[in-house]
Amino acid sequence: MAAAVAVLALALRAPLVVAALPGVGNSDEPLNISVGVRMATDGTLDAHTYRYPGLLYEVIAGMTAAFRGVGIRVPAHGAMRIENLGVAHTDSRALVVAIRCVGVLAAVATCLLVWAAVREVLKAAGLPERRGRVAAAVAAATVAVSPLATANSAYATPDVFGGLAVALSLYGATRVLRDARYGDLLCGLGVGIALGAKYLAAAVLPVLVAYAVSSRDRKGVIRLAKVAALAAAVFVLTTPGIVTHPIAVISGLRAEAVHYQDGHVGAQGGAPGYYLNALLRDQPLLLGAVAVAVVALFRTGGVIRRTLIVVFAYVIPQFLLLAVMTVRFDRNLVPLTPALAVLAGVAVPALFPHTHRRTLAALTVAAAFVPVVSAAGLYPRLDEHSRVQAAAWVAKHVPGHEPVAVESYGPWLDPDRYRLVSFTFAADKPAVQARALILTEHAAGRFLADPAHHAREAAVYRAIMSRYRLAARFTAGSWIEVFVPREPPAGSRAAGR
């Protein structure tokens, strides 16, 4: 069953690694790849920028060095040419695919770790082998078919590695609870990778709780100290800047914290409800499983109860941390999903060991696989063919060397052919004059879709569109609209003559 889940996760993700190429439309991926390629070119492990810790950058730098080592050319600058936020182009398509494949493998490994954690806990609790294997497969499948986890494993971003680290930490913690071999090693690796992937300090908590509920003697303290030393070593290996350039790392961490507290236009406010709705859309079974797990805390005992306590030690603080932030992105749920899957896999079969077993199993399996249709249909959305269509329209209708204004998340246009005017939002430059103006769903759309909360920005966009007319609209992915200046009224032209 584990193999089947791994194949399912791989099948859903593999096509996505080529989506949109040679264009790159993710907001973070272009900068991440640029940093890693520069590290490989300079022969250094210093990322200089530490908005994220170093693990992802080292993966990219390592892959770049491997390509160059076998004679594949990776240009220092053409590997990622960035024009704007969410607007980039790569001349090294194979490199980007290879880097994305590492993330896909990390996602598959996450599913397998969830499967192993659930299966071993249920086996230790004395549940029948077959029931334990089925429950473990369903829990792992919730991660495998999650549209959110699937989409974010196809980008060179740290979220998928954060999910892997959390799954590894929890698997290690469950082995500590059962005094199984390699528990200390897995916990140390998991926590170190969690810190090195995305500063996920909350991954420390389930490990601490696991040792607290399983061993209170001096031996337990010594083991925990070894875990801490291993985690620190892994963090230093993945982010050596913490030793060589500690001020830069701390500054990057502080800048990211300030960003999440100060706000991000169009992605701020109402974080608790936003994340709950995102989970409900992504994998509704997991939200229901949290309620079941809360009940199971009081109606079960032994290793089941201790496991639930350990997993909640991560889930609750991590969700609260996300909930109190001003800025909210659904990708932040990716490191939370494996923990929720473990809760579901352990709590449901333990709380209902005999009651309506077959009916409950059928409903659980059906609920787990509800999102598979959405996950299977991700390619058109991530491929963003509307950007290619918009670029083709501009090439056909706009003469060379004319000014073209492009919002963030728009099409990549050849800077040698056009005079590009780039801005995050067109509302930032309402007086813009261009032969073509390109608005996007991810930029203008966030204001036009919610004018009640963005009255000023929506009014500015309406004023801009009063000076331009819609010439083309493309919807194969997020929508892209191309505007051209309105012709002056006939009377105005006559008066001018």
Foldseek 3Di string as FASTA:
>chain_A
DLVVLLVLLCVLQLVLLLFQPQKFQAQPQLVLLLLLLVCLVVVHQASLAPLPFFQLSVLSVVLNNVCVVVPHDADNDQCWADDFRRTIGHPCSVSSSVSLVVLSVLLSLLLSLQLLQQLVLCVVVPADNVLSNLLSSLLSLLSSQFLLNSNVSSGSALLSQLQSLLSQLLSLLLCLLVVHPCSLVSNLLSLLSNCRRGNLNLSVQLNVLSLVVRDDDPVSVVSVVSSVVSSVVSNCVRHVCCPVPVVNNVVSNVVSQCDQAVDDPLFFDPQLVVQVVLCCVGQVLLVVLVVLLVVQCVVDDDSLNSSSVSLCSRQVVLSVVRRPTGGDDNSSCSNVSSSSSSSNSRRPCRVCVDPPVVVVSVVSSCSSCPSNVVSNPCSLQSSPCQQVVVQVVCVVPPFFQWEEEEERSHHHHDVVGYVYHYDPECLVPLPDDTQKYKDWCVHLVSCCVCCVVVVPSNVSVVSSCVQWPWDDWGPSHTIMTMTGGDDDDPVVVVVVD
